[in-house]
Amino acid sequence: FVEGLISRGYLICPVHAWSFDVTTGAMPGGSTFCLITYAVRVN
């Protein structure tokens, strides 16, 4: 994903352009593929 990009709330894979919601890890439209996400905060 470092070679991908972030756009409109989605992290986009550089290999097949699959997109994942940056907050939930889910793909639009549902899929069994999902990213592991982590809680973040600014301190």
Full PDB file with SEQRES, HELIX, SHEET, SSBOND, CRYST1, ORIGX, SCALE, CONECT and MASTER records, all heavy atoms in Angstrom:
SEQRES   1 A   43  PHE VAL GLU GLY LEU ILE SER ARG GLY TYR LEU ILE CYS          
SEQRES   2 A   43  PRO VAL HIS ALA TRP SER PHE ASP VAL THR THR GLY ALA          
SEQRES   3 A   43  MET PRO GLY GLY SER THR PHE CYS LEU ILE THR TYR ALA          
SEQRES   4 A   43  VAL ARG VAL ASN                                              
SHEET    1 AA1 3 LEU A   5  SER A   7  0                                        
SHEET    2 AA1 3 TYR A  10  ILE A  12 -1                                        
SHEET    3 AA1 3 SER A  19  ASP A  21 -1                                        
CRYST1    1.000    1.000    1.000  90.00  90.00  90.00 P 1           1          
ORIGX1      1.000000  0.000000  0.000000        0.00000                         
ORIGX2      0.000000  1.000000  0.000000        0.00000                         
ORIGX3      0.000000  0.000000  1.000000        0.00000                         
SCALE1      1.000000  0.000000  0.000000        0.00000                         
SCALE2      0.000000  1.000000  0.000000        0.00000                         
SCALE3      0.000000  0.000000  1.000000        0.00000                         
ATOM      1  N   PHE A   1       0.801  -1.214   0.000  1.00  0.00           N  
ATOM      2  CA  PHE A   1       0.000   0.000   0.000  1.00  0.00           C  
ATOM      3  C   PHE A   1       0.840   1.273   0.000  1.00  0.00           C  
ATOM      4  O   PHE A   1       0.328   2.338  -0.341  1.00  0.00           O  
ATOM      5  CB  PHE A   1      -0.977   0.008   1.172  1.00  0.00           C  
ATOM      6  CG  PHE A   1      -2.145  -0.905   0.984  1.00  0.00           C  
ATOM      7  CD1 PHE A   1      -2.355  -1.963   1.845  1.00  0.00           C  
ATOM      8  CD2 PHE A   1      -3.036  -0.714  -0.058  1.00  0.00           C  
ATOM      9  CE1 PHE A   1      -3.435  -2.806   1.675  1.00  0.00           C  
ATOM     10  CE2 PHE A   1      -4.120  -1.554  -0.247  1.00  0.00           C  
ATOM     11  CZ  PHE A   1      -4.317  -2.602   0.619  1.00  0.00           C  
ATOM     12  N   VAL A   2       2.115   1.200   0.345  1.00  0.00           N  
ATOM     13  CA  VAL A   2       2.980   2.370   0.269  1.00  0.00           C  
ATOM     14  C   VAL A   2       3.073   2.841  -1.180  1.00  0.00           C  
ATOM     15  O   VAL A   2       3.223   4.021  -1.452  1.00  0.00           O  
ATOM     16  CB  VAL A   2       4.381   2.061   0.850  1.00  0.00           C  
ATOM     17  CG1 VAL A   2       5.363   3.174   0.565  1.00  0.00           C  
ATOM     18  CG2 VAL A   2       4.273   1.823   2.338  1.00  0.00           C  
ATOM     19  N   GLU A   3       2.941   1.911  -2.124  1.00  0.00           N  
ATOM     20  CA  GLU A   3       2.981   2.256  -3.545  1.00  0.00           C  
ATOM     21  C   GLU A   3       1.593   2.599  -4.079  1.00  0.00           C  
ATOM     22  O   GLU A   3       1.450   2.966  -5.247  1.00  0.00           O  
ATOM     23  CB  GLU A   3       3.578   1.095  -4.334  1.00  0.00           C  
ATOM     24  CG  GLU A   3       5.006   0.797  -3.935  1.00  0.00           C  
ATOM     25  CD  GLU A   3       5.531  -0.498  -4.522  1.00  0.00           C  
ATOM     26  OE1 GLU A   3       4.837  -1.106  -5.361  1.00  0.00           O  
ATOM     27  OE2 GLU A   3       6.639  -0.903  -4.130  1.00  0.00           O  
ATOM     28  N   GLY A   4       0.574   2.471  -3.243  1.00  0.00           N  
ATOM     29  CA  GLY A   4      -0.791   2.805  -3.632  1.00  0.00           C  
ATOM     30  C   GLY A   4      -1.090   4.258  -3.334  1.00  0.00           C  
ATOM     31  O   GLY A   4      -0.192   5.076  -3.197  1.00  0.00           O  
ATOM     32  N   LEU A   5      -2.375   4.547  -3.220  1.00  0.00           N  
ATOM     33  CA  LEU A   5      -2.752   5.912  -2.886  1.00  0.00           C  
ATOM     34  C   LEU A   5      -4.006   5.923  -2.033  1.00  0.00           C  
ATOM     35  O   LEU A   5      -4.681   4.911  -1.880  1.00  0.00           O  
ATOM     36  CB  LEU A   5      -2.938   6.770  -4.139  1.00  0.00           C  
ATOM     37  CG  LEU A   5      -3.962   6.316  -5.165  1.00  0.00           C  
ATOM     38  CD1 LEU A   5      -5.253   7.071  -4.979  1.00  0.00           C  
ATOM     39  CD2 LEU A   5      -3.428   6.589  -6.556  1.00  0.00           C  
ATOM     40  N   ILE A   6      -4.262   7.083  -1.465  1.00  0.00           N  
ATOM     41  CA  ILE A   6      -5.433   7.295  -0.619  1.00  0.00           C  
ATOM     42  C   ILE A   6      -6.316   8.300  -1.346  1.00  0.00           C  
ATOM     43  O   ILE A   6      -5.838   9.348  -1.776  1.00  0.00           O  
ATOM     44  CB  ILE A   6      -5.025   7.887   0.748  1.00  0.00           C  
ATOM     45  CG1 ILE A   6      -3.935   7.052   1.404  1.00  0.00           C  
ATOM     46  CG2 ILE A   6      -6.242   8.024   1.649  1.00  0.00           C  
ATOM     47  CD1 ILE A   6      -3.193   7.789   2.503  1.00  0.00           C  
ATOM     48  N   SER A   7      -7.594   7.964  -1.502  1.00  0.00           N  
ATOM     49  CA  SER A   7      -8.498   8.869  -2.191  1.00  0.00           C  
ATOM     50  C   SER A   7      -9.925   8.695  -1.704  1.00  0.00           C  
ATOM     51  O   SER A   7     -10.427   7.560  -1.657  1.00  0.00           O  
ATOM     52  CB  SER A   7      -8.448   8.614  -3.701  1.00  0.00           C  
ATOM     53  OG  SER A   7      -9.347   9.449  -4.388  1.00  0.00           O  
ATOM     54  N   ARG A   8     -10.558   9.790  -1.317  1.00  0.00           N  
ATOM     55  CA  ARG A   8     -11.965   9.812  -0.924  1.00  0.00           C  
ATOM     56  C   ARG A   8     -12.323   8.760   0.119  1.00  0.00           C  
ATOM     57  O   ARG A   8     -13.328   8.075   0.016  1.00  0.00           O  
ATOM     58  CB  ARG A   8     -12.848   9.679  -2.139  1.00  0.00           C  
ATOM     59  CG  ARG A   8     -12.684  10.812  -3.109  1.00  0.00           C  
ATOM     60  CD  ARG A   8     -13.582  10.666  -4.284  1.00  0.00           C  
ATOM     61  NE  ARG A   8     -13.301  11.750  -5.212  1.00  0.00           N  
ATOM     62  CZ  ARG A   8     -14.010  11.982  -6.276  1.00  0.00           C  
ATOM     63  NH1 ARG A   8     -15.036  11.221  -6.556  1.00  0.00           N  
ATOM     64  NH2 ARG A   8     -13.697  12.972  -7.067  1.00  0.00           N  
ATOM     65  N   GLY A   9     -11.443   8.589   1.092  1.00  0.00           N  
ATOM     66  CA  GLY A   9     -11.718   7.655   2.179  1.00  0.00           C  
ATOM     67  C   GLY A   9     -11.309   6.231   1.913  1.00  0.00           C  
ATOM     68  O   GLY A   9     -11.601   5.344   2.711  1.00  0.00           O  
ATOM     69  N   TYR A  10     -10.600   5.985   0.803  1.00  0.00           N  
ATOM     70  CA  TYR A  10     -10.192   4.623   0.453  1.00  0.00           C  
ATOM     71  C   TYR A  10      -8.690   4.532   0.233  1.00  0.00           C  
ATOM     72  O   TYR A  10      -8.061   5.436  -0.317  1.00  0.00           O  
ATOM     73  CB  TYR A  10     -10.911   4.146  -0.813  1.00  0.00           C  
ATOM     74  CG  TYR A  10     -12.368   3.896  -0.575  1.00  0.00           C  
ATOM     75  CD1 TYR A  10     -13.309   4.879  -0.809  1.00  0.00           C  
ATOM     76  CD2 TYR A  10     -12.805   2.675  -0.067  1.00  0.00           C  
ATOM     77  CE1 TYR A  10     -14.648   4.662  -0.557  1.00  0.00           C  
ATOM     78  CE2 TYR A  10     -14.142   2.449   0.186  1.00  0.00           C  
ATOM     79  CZ  TYR A  10     -15.060   3.448  -0.058  1.00  0.00           C  
ATOM     80  OH  TYR A  10     -16.382   3.226   0.201  1.00  0.00           O  
ATOM     81  N   LEU A  11      -8.132   3.407   0.665  1.00  0.00           N  
ATOM     82  CA  LEU A  11      -6.749   3.048   0.401  1.00  0.00           C  
ATOM     83  C   LEU A  11      -6.788   2.137  -0.821  1.00  0.00           C  
ATOM     84  O   LEU A  11      -7.519   1.136  -0.831  1.00  0.00           O  
ATOM     85  CB  LEU A  11      -6.166   2.315   1.615  1.00  0.00           C  
ATOM     86  CG  LEU A  11      -4.701   1.925   1.583  1.00  0.00           C  
ATOM     87  CD1 LEU A  11      -3.805   3.138   1.374  1.00  0.00           C  
ATOM     88  CD2 LEU A  11      -4.340   1.212   2.882  1.00  0.00           C  
ATOM     89  N   ILE A  12      -6.046   2.475  -1.861  1.00  0.00           N  
ATOM     90  CA  ILE A  12      -6.135   1.768  -3.135  1.00  0.00           C  
ATOM     91  C   ILE A  12      -4.865   0.978  -3.393  1.00  0.00           C  
ATOM     92  O   ILE A  12      -3.754   1.524  -3.377  1.00  0.00           O  
ATOM     93  CB  ILE A  12      -6.413   2.756  -4.280  1.00  0.00           C  
ATOM     94  CG1 ILE A  12      -7.704   3.516  -3.970  1.00  0.00           C  
ATOM     95  CG2 ILE A  12      -6.503   2.029  -5.621  1.00  0.00           C  
ATOM     96  CD1 ILE A  12      -7.991   4.685  -4.863  1.00  0.00           C  
ATOM     97  N   CYS A  13      -5.042  -0.330  -3.639  1.00  0.00           N  
ATOM     98  CA  CYS A  13      -3.925  -1.229  -3.879  1.00  0.00           C  
ATOM     99  C   CYS A  13      -3.281  -0.925  -5.237  1.00  0.00           C  
ATOM    100  O   CYS A  13      -3.988  -0.764  -6.235  1.00  0.00           O  
ATOM    101  CB  CYS A  13      -4.423  -2.680  -3.848  1.00  0.00           C  
ATOM    102  SG  CYS A  13      -3.127  -3.887  -4.220  1.00  0.00           S  
ATOM    103  N   PRO A  14      -1.937  -0.899  -5.292  1.00  0.00           N  
ATOM    104  CA  PRO A  14      -1.259  -0.607  -6.549  1.00  0.00           C  
ATOM    105  C   PRO A  14      -1.274  -1.781  -7.539  1.00  0.00           C  
ATOM    106  O   PRO A  14      -0.974  -1.598  -8.712  1.00  0.00           O  
ATOM    107  CB  PRO A  14       0.177  -0.296  -6.105  1.00  0.00           C  
ATOM    108  CG  PRO A  14       0.356  -1.117  -4.871  1.00  0.00           C  
ATOM    109  CD  PRO A  14      -0.987  -1.085  -4.189  1.00  0.00           C  
ATOM    110  N   VAL A  15      -1.639  -2.979  -7.092  1.00  0.00           N  
ATOM    111  CA  VAL A  15      -1.596  -4.143  -7.980  1.00  0.00           C  
ATOM    112  C   VAL A  15      -2.853  -4.245  -8.839  1.00  0.00           C  
ATOM    113  O   VAL A  15      -2.772  -4.323 -10.064  1.00  0.00           O  
ATOM    114  CB  VAL A  15      -1.378  -5.453  -7.175  1.00  0.00           C  
ATOM    115  CG1 VAL A  15      -1.412  -6.664  -8.079  1.00  0.00           C  
ATOM    116  CG2 VAL A  15      -0.054  -5.389  -6.414  1.00  0.00           C  
ATOM    117  N   HIS A  16      -4.027  -4.257  -8.226  1.00  0.00           N  
ATOM    118  CA  HIS A  16      -5.270  -4.419  -8.984  1.00  0.00           C  
ATOM    119  C   HIS A  16      -6.264  -3.290  -8.752  1.00  0.00           C  
ATOM    120  O   HIS A  16      -7.432  -3.410  -9.124  1.00  0.00           O  
ATOM    121  CB  HIS A  16      -5.945  -5.752  -8.631  1.00  0.00           C  
ATOM    122  CG  HIS A  16      -5.179  -6.929  -9.103  1.00  0.00           C  
ATOM    123  ND1 HIS A  16      -4.592  -7.814  -8.217  1.00  0.00           N  
ATOM    124  CD2 HIS A  16      -4.878  -7.376 -10.341  1.00  0.00           C  
ATOM    125  CE1 HIS A  16      -3.971  -8.751  -8.908  1.00  0.00           C  
ATOM    126  NE2 HIS A  16      -4.126  -8.511 -10.190  1.00  0.00           N  
ATOM    127  N   ALA A  17      -5.839  -2.228  -8.077  1.00  0.00           N  
ATOM    128  CA  ALA A  17      -6.676  -1.059  -7.802  1.00  0.00           C  
ATOM    129  C   ALA A  17      -7.889  -1.386  -6.926  1.00  0.00           C  
ATOM    130  O   ALA A  17      -8.889  -0.683  -6.962  1.00  0.00           O  
ATOM    131  CB  ALA A  17      -7.107  -0.360  -9.090  1.00  0.00           C  
ATOM    132  N   TRP A  18      -7.793  -2.451  -6.143  1.00  0.00           N  
ATOM    133  CA  TRP A  18      -8.861  -2.725  -5.176  1.00  0.00           C  
ATOM    134  C   TRP A  18      -8.820  -1.632  -4.122  1.00  0.00           C  
ATOM    135  O   TRP A  18      -7.741  -1.196  -3.699  1.00  0.00           O  
ATOM    136  CB  TRP A  18      -8.659  -4.082  -4.534  1.00  0.00           C  
ATOM    137  CG  TRP A  18      -8.982  -5.247  -5.422  1.00  0.00           C  
ATOM    138  CD1 TRP A  18      -9.067  -5.252  -6.788  1.00  0.00           C  
ATOM    139  CD2 TRP A  18      -9.250  -6.568  -5.005  1.00  0.00           C  
ATOM    140  NE1 TRP A  18      -9.369  -6.511  -7.232  1.00  0.00           N  
ATOM    141  CE2 TRP A  18      -9.485  -7.345  -6.158  1.00  0.00           C  
ATOM    142  CE3 TRP A  18      -9.304  -7.191  -3.769  1.00  0.00           C  
ATOM    143  CZ2 TRP A  18      -9.783  -8.691  -6.114  1.00  0.00           C  
ATOM    144  CZ3 TRP A  18      -9.593  -8.546  -3.720  1.00  0.00           C  
ATOM    145  CH2 TRP A  18      -9.834  -9.282  -4.875  1.00  0.00           C  
ATOM    146  N   SER A  19      -9.986  -1.203  -3.657  1.00  0.00           N  
ATOM    147  CA  SER A  19     -10.032  -0.137  -2.666  1.00  0.00           C  
ATOM    148  C   SER A  19     -10.637  -0.645  -1.361  1.00  0.00           C  
ATOM    149  O   SER A  19     -11.530  -1.492  -1.363  1.00  0.00           O  
ATOM    150  CB  SER A  19     -10.812   1.065  -3.203  1.00  0.00           C  
ATOM    151  OG  SER A  19     -12.111   0.690  -3.585  1.00  0.00           O  
ATOM    152  N   PHE A  20     -10.122  -0.097  -0.265  1.00  0.00           N  
ATOM    153  CA  PHE A  20     -10.522  -0.479   1.085  1.00  0.00           C  
ATOM    154  C   PHE A  20     -10.783   0.779   1.893  1.00  0.00           C  
ATOM    155  O   PHE A  20      -9.983   1.712   1.867  1.00  0.00           O  
ATOM    156  CB  PHE A  20      -9.418  -1.296   1.764  1.00  0.00           C  
ATOM    157  CG  PHE A  20      -9.071  -2.575   1.057  1.00  0.00           C  
ATOM    158  CD1 PHE A  20      -8.144  -2.592   0.030  1.00  0.00           C  
ATOM    159  CD2 PHE A  20      -9.688  -3.766   1.418  1.00  0.00           C  
ATOM    160  CE1 PHE A  20      -7.824  -3.777  -0.618  1.00  0.00           C  
ATOM    161  CE2 PHE A  20      -9.380  -4.950   0.778  1.00  0.00           C  
ATOM    162  CZ  PHE A  20      -8.447  -4.953  -0.251  1.00  0.00           C  
ATOM    163  N   ASP A  21     -11.888   0.798   2.628  1.00  0.00           N  
ATOM    164  CA  ASP A  21     -12.218   1.923   3.489  1.00  0.00           C  
ATOM    165  C   ASP A  21     -11.106   2.102   4.521  1.00  0.00           C  
ATOM    166  O   ASP A  21     -10.730   1.138   5.196  1.00  0.00           O  
ATOM    167  CB  ASP A  21     -13.561   1.664   4.177  1.00  0.00           C  
ATOM    168  CG  ASP A  21     -14.029   2.829   5.004  1.00  0.00           C  
ATOM    169  OD1 ASP A  21     -13.406   3.077   6.065  1.00  0.00           O  
ATOM    170  OD2 ASP A  21     -15.017   3.463   4.614  1.00  0.00           O  
ATOM    171  N   VAL A  22     -10.568   3.318   4.645  1.00  0.00           N  
ATOM    172  CA  VAL A  22      -9.427   3.528   5.543  1.00  0.00           C  
ATOM    173  C   VAL A  22      -9.785   3.390   7.010  1.00  0.00           C  
ATOM    174  O   VAL A  22      -8.906   3.168   7.837  1.00  0.00           O  
ATOM    175  CB  VAL A  22      -8.738   4.894   5.304  1.00  0.00           C  
ATOM    176  CG1 VAL A  22      -8.132   4.976   3.925  1.00  0.00           C  
ATOM    177  CG2 VAL A  22      -9.659   6.052   5.588  1.00  0.00           C  
ATOM    178  N   THR A  23     -11.067   3.517   7.352  1.00  0.00           N  
ATOM    179  CA  THR A  23     -11.441   3.402   8.767  1.00  0.00           C  
ATOM    180  C   THR A  23     -11.863   1.997   9.146  1.00  0.00           C  
ATOM    181  O   THR A  23     -11.501   1.516  10.210  1.00  0.00           O  
ATOM    182  CB  THR A  23     -12.604   4.341   9.111  1.00  0.00           C  
ATOM    183  OG1 THR A  23     -12.877   5.240   8.072  1.00  0.00           O  
ATOM    184  CG2 THR A  23     -12.281   5.151  10.302  1.00  0.00           C  
ATOM    185  N   THR A  24     -12.628   1.330   8.290  1.00  0.00           N  
ATOM    186  CA  THR A  24     -13.145   0.002   8.627  1.00  0.00           C  
ATOM    187  C   THR A  24     -12.357  -1.141   8.002  1.00  0.00           C  
ATOM    188  O   THR A  24     -12.437  -2.267   8.467  1.00  0.00           O  
ATOM    189  CB  THR A  24     -14.603  -0.156   8.162  1.00  0.00           C  
ATOM    190  OG1 THR A  24     -14.642  -0.150   6.726  1.00  0.00           O  
ATOM    191  CG2 THR A  24     -15.482   0.941   8.730  1.00  0.00           C  
ATOM    192  N   GLY A  25     -11.632  -0.871   6.913  1.00  0.00           N  
ATOM    193  CA  GLY A  25     -10.906  -1.911   6.196  1.00  0.00           C  
ATOM    194  C   GLY A  25     -11.748  -2.651   5.174  1.00  0.00           C  
ATOM    195  O   GLY A  25     -11.246  -3.478   4.426  1.00  0.00           O  
ATOM    196  N   ALA A  26     -13.055  -2.359   5.121  1.00  0.00           N  
ATOM    197  CA  ALA A  26     -13.969  -3.071   4.230  1.00  0.00           C  
ATOM    198  C   ALA A  26     -13.861  -2.565   2.788  1.00  0.00           C  
ATOM    199  O   ALA A  26     -13.518  -1.403   2.545  1.00  0.00           O  
ATOM    200  CB  ALA A  26     -15.406  -2.908   4.713  1.00  0.00           C  
ATOM    201  N   MET A  27     -14.180  -3.470   1.849  1.00  0.00           N  
ATOM    202  CA  MET A  27     -14.264  -3.092   0.442  1.00  0.00           C  
ATOM    203  C   MET A  27     -15.671  -2.597   0.144  1.00  0.00           C  
ATOM    204  O   MET A  27     -16.633  -3.069   0.752  1.00  0.00           O  
ATOM    205  CB  MET A  27     -13.957  -4.294  -0.448  1.00  0.00           C  
ATOM    206  CG  MET A  27     -12.530  -4.771  -0.369  1.00  0.00           C  
ATOM    207  SD  MET A  27     -12.223  -6.158  -1.485  1.00  0.00           S  
ATOM    208  CE  MET A  27     -12.299  -5.323  -3.074  1.00  0.00           C  
ATOM    209  N   PRO A  28     -15.814  -1.664  -0.802  1.00  0.00           N  
ATOM    210  CA  PRO A  28     -17.167  -1.244  -1.163  1.00  0.00           C  
ATOM    211  C   PRO A  28     -17.940  -2.415  -1.763  1.00  0.00           C  
ATOM    212  O   PRO A  28     -17.369  -3.232  -2.485  1.00  0.00           O  
ATOM    213  CB  PRO A  28     -16.954  -0.137  -2.206  1.00  0.00           C  
ATOM    214  CG  PRO A  28     -15.504  -0.085  -2.497  1.00  0.00           C  
ATOM    215  CD  PRO A  28     -14.787  -0.993  -1.557  1.00  0.00           C  
ATOM    216  N   GLY A  29     -19.198  -2.531  -1.427  1.00  0.00           N  
ATOM    217  CA  GLY A  29     -20.015  -3.611  -1.968  1.00  0.00           C  
ATOM    218  C   GLY A  29     -19.872  -4.918  -1.222  1.00  0.00           C  
ATOM    219  O   GLY A  29     -20.515  -5.902  -1.552  1.00  0.00           O  
ATOM    220  N   GLY A  30     -18.996  -4.954  -0.235  1.00  0.00           N  
ATOM    221  CA  GLY A  30     -18.816  -6.177   0.553  1.00  0.00           C  
ATOM    222  C   GLY A  30     -17.893  -7.165  -0.132  1.00  0.00           C  
ATOM    223  O   GLY A  30     -17.836  -7.243  -1.342  1.00  0.00           O  
ATOM    224  N   SER A  31     -17.172  -7.900   0.632  1.00  0.00           N  
ATOM    225  CA  SER A  31     -16.226  -8.898   0.149  1.00  0.00           C  
ATOM    226  C   SER A  31     -15.707  -9.666   1.350  1.00  0.00           C  
ATOM    227  O   SER A  31     -15.811  -9.211   2.481  1.00  0.00           O  
ATOM    228  CB  SER A  31     -15.055  -8.223  -0.570  1.00  0.00           C  
ATOM    229  OG  SER A  31     -14.045  -9.163  -0.862  1.00  0.00           O  
ATOM    230  N   THR A  32     -15.133 -10.824   1.088  1.00  0.00           N  
ATOM    231  CA  THR A  32     -14.490 -11.551   2.177  1.00  0.00           C  
ATOM    232  C   THR A  32     -13.108 -10.972   2.458  1.00  0.00           C  
ATOM    233  O   THR A  32     -12.524 -11.273   3.485  1.00  0.00           O  
ATOM    234  CB  THR A  32     -14.351 -13.049   1.846  1.00  0.00           C  
ATOM    235  OG1 THR A  32     -13.633 -13.183   0.626  1.00  0.00           O  
ATOM    236  CG2 THR A  32     -15.712 -13.699   1.734  1.00  0.00           C  
ATOM    237  N   PHE A  33     -12.601 -10.132   1.553  1.00  0.00           N  
ATOM    238  CA  PHE A  33     -11.324  -9.465   1.790  1.00  0.00           C  
ATOM    239  C   PHE A  33     -11.562  -8.219   2.627  1.00  0.00           C  
ATOM    240  O   PHE A  33     -12.466  -7.430   2.342  1.00  0.00           O  
ATOM    241  CB  PHE A  33     -10.652  -9.057   0.474  1.00  0.00           C  
ATOM    242  CG  PHE A  33     -10.124 -10.210  -0.310  1.00  0.00           C  
ATOM    243  CD1 PHE A  33     -10.791 -10.644  -1.439  1.00  0.00           C  
ATOM    244  CD2 PHE A  33      -8.960 -10.864   0.073  1.00  0.00           C  
ATOM    245  CE1 PHE A  33     -10.303 -11.713  -2.176  1.00  0.00           C  
ATOM    246  CE2 PHE A  33      -8.470 -11.935  -0.654  1.00  0.00           C  
ATOM    247  CZ  PHE A  33      -9.143 -12.364  -1.783  1.00  0.00           C  
ATOM    248  N   CYS A  34     -10.744  -8.051   3.656  1.00  0.00           N  
ATOM    249  CA  CYS A  34     -10.871  -6.901   4.542  1.00  0.00           C  
ATOM    250  C   CYS A  34      -9.503  -6.622   5.149  1.00  0.00           C  
ATOM    251  O   CYS A  34      -8.759  -7.556   5.466  1.00  0.00           O  
ATOM    252  CB  CYS A  34     -11.893  -7.199   5.636  1.00  0.00           C  
ATOM    253  SG  CYS A  34     -12.269  -5.792   6.674  1.00  0.00           S  
ATOM    254  N   LEU A  35      -9.169  -5.358   5.289  1.00  0.00           N  
ATOM    255  CA  LEU A  35      -7.902  -4.991   5.912  1.00  0.00           C  
ATOM    256  C   LEU A  35      -8.021  -5.013   7.429  1.00  0.00           C  
ATOM    257  O   LEU A  35      -9.091  -4.746   7.982  1.00  0.00           O  
ATOM    258  CB  LEU A  35      -7.487  -3.574   5.506  1.00  0.00           C  
ATOM    259  CG  LEU A  35      -7.216  -3.320   4.041  1.00  0.00           C  
ATOM    260  CD1 LEU A  35      -6.771  -1.875   3.857  1.00  0.00           C  
ATOM    261  CD2 LEU A  35      -6.171  -4.274   3.511  1.00  0.00           C  
ATOM    262  N   ILE A  36      -6.920  -5.297   8.076  1.00  0.00           N  
ATOM    263  CA  ILE A  36      -6.834  -5.144   9.520  1.00  0.00           C  
ATOM    264  C   ILE A  36      -6.569  -3.664   9.777  1.00  0.00           C  
ATOM    265  O   ILE A  36      -5.642  -3.086   9.210  1.00  0.00           O  
ATOM    266  CB  ILE A  36      -5.709  -6.011  10.107  1.00  0.00           C  
ATOM    267  CG1 ILE A  36      -5.963  -7.483   9.811  1.00  0.00           C  
ATOM    268  CG2 ILE A  36      -5.566  -5.759  11.612  1.00  0.00           C  
ATOM    269  CD1 ILE A  36      -4.772  -8.383  10.100  1.00  0.00           C  
ATOM    270  N   THR A  37      -7.400  -3.050  10.599  1.00  0.00           N  
ATOM    271  CA  THR A  37      -7.235  -1.642  10.920  1.00  0.00           C  
ATOM    272  C   THR A  37      -6.919  -1.474  12.403  1.00  0.00           C  
ATOM    273  O   THR A  37      -7.171  -2.370  13.204  1.00  0.00           O  
ATOM    274  CB  THR A  37      -8.503  -0.836  10.562  1.00  0.00           C  
ATOM    275  OG1 THR A  37      -9.610  -1.372  11.282  1.00  0.00           O  
ATOM    276  CG2 THR A  37      -8.784  -0.877   9.062  1.00  0.00           C  
ATOM    277  N   TYR A  38      -6.369  -0.315  12.729  1.00  0.00           N  
ATOM    278  CA  TYR A  38      -5.936  -0.032  14.094  1.00  0.00           C  
ATOM    279  C   TYR A  38      -6.422   1.350  14.506  1.00  0.00           C  
ATOM    280  O   TYR A  38      -6.501   2.263  13.678  1.00  0.00           O  
ATOM    281  CB  TYR A  38      -4.403  -0.093  14.172  1.00  0.00           C  
ATOM    282  CG  TYR A  38      -3.866  -1.442  13.769  1.00  0.00           C  
ATOM    283  CD1 TYR A  38      -3.603  -1.744  12.436  1.00  0.00           C  
ATOM    284  CD2 TYR A  38      -3.674  -2.437  14.722  1.00  0.00           C  
ATOM    285  CE1 TYR A  38      -3.150  -2.999  12.061  1.00  0.00           C  
ATOM    286  CE2 TYR A  38      -3.218  -3.693  14.351  1.00  0.00           C  
ATOM    287  CZ  TYR A  38      -2.961  -3.967  13.022  1.00  0.00           C  
ATOM    288  OH  TYR A  38      -2.523  -5.211  12.656  1.00  0.00           O  
ATOM    289  N   ALA A  39      -6.722   1.510  15.780  1.00  0.00           N  
ATOM    290  CA  ALA A  39      -7.128   2.805  16.313  1.00  0.00           C  
ATOM    291  C   ALA A  39      -5.941   3.760  16.279  1.00  0.00           C  
ATOM    292  O   ALA A  39      -4.797   3.364  16.520  1.00  0.00           O  
ATOM    293  CB  ALA A  39      -7.638   2.649  17.747  1.00  0.00           C  
ATOM    294  N   VAL A  40      -6.224   5.012  15.949  1.00  0.00           N  
ATOM    295  CA  VAL A  40      -5.185   6.050  15.898  1.00  0.00           C  
ATOM    296  C   VAL A  40      -5.645   7.265  16.688  1.00  0.00           C  
ATOM    297  O   VAL A  40      -6.844   7.480  16.890  1.00  0.00           O  
ATOM    298  CB  VAL A  40      -4.858   6.474  14.451  1.00  0.00           C  
ATOM    299  CG1 VAL A  40      -4.292   5.327  13.652  1.00  0.00           C  
ATOM    300  CG2 VAL A  40      -6.065   7.061  13.757  1.00  0.00           C  
ATOM    301  N   ARG A  41      -4.678   8.056  17.109  1.00  0.00           N  
ATOM    302  CA  ARG A  41      -4.978   9.339  17.731  1.00  0.00           C  
ATOM    303  C   ARG A  41      -3.780  10.253  17.539  1.00  0.00           C  
ATOM    304  O   ARG A  41      -2.642   9.794  17.345  1.00  0.00           O  
ATOM    305  CB  ARG A  41      -5.302   9.189  19.210  1.00  0.00           C  
ATOM    306  CG  ARG A  41      -4.110   8.859  20.087  1.00  0.00           C  
ATOM    307  CD  ARG A  41      -4.494   8.778  21.544  1.00  0.00           C  
ATOM    308  NE  ARG A  41      -3.316   8.532  22.372  1.00  0.00           N  
ATOM    309  CZ  ARG A  41      -3.368   8.315  23.675  1.00  0.00           C  
ATOM    310  NH1 ARG A  41      -4.546   8.294  24.290  1.00  0.00           N  
ATOM    311  NH2 ARG A  41      -2.270   8.104  24.376  1.00  0.00           N  
ATOM    312  N   VAL A  42      -4.056  11.544  17.584  1.00  0.00           N  
ATOM    313  CA  VAL A  42      -2.992  12.542  17.549  1.00  0.00           C  
ATOM    314  C   VAL A  42      -2.732  12.962  18.980  1.00  0.00           C  
ATOM    315  O   VAL A  42      -3.657  13.285  19.733  1.00  0.00           O  
ATOM    316  CB  VAL A  42      -3.401  13.753  16.683  1.00  0.00           C  
ATOM    317  CG1 VAL A  42      -2.359  14.850  16.779  1.00  0.00           C  
ATOM    318  CG2 VAL A  42      -3.615  13.327  15.236  1.00  0.00           C  
ATOM    319  N   ASN A  43      -1.466  12.917  19.348  1.00  0.00           N  
ATOM    320  CA  ASN A  43      -1.040  13.323  20.687  1.00  0.00           C  
ATOM    321  C   ASN A  43       0.099  14.321  20.506  1.00  0.00           C  
ATOM    322  O   ASN A  43       1.218  13.931  20.193  1.00  0.00           O  
ATOM    323  CB  ASN A  43      -0.595  12.104  21.498  1.00  0.00           C  
ATOM    324  CG  ASN A  43      -0.300  12.446  22.945  1.00  0.00           C  
ATOM    325  OD1 ASN A  43      -0.520  13.565  23.386  1.00  0.00           O  
ATOM    326  ND2 ASN A  43       0.207  11.470  23.680  1.00  0.00           N  
TER     327      ASN A  43                                                      
MASTER        0    0    0    0    3    0    0    6  326    1    0    4          
END                                                                             
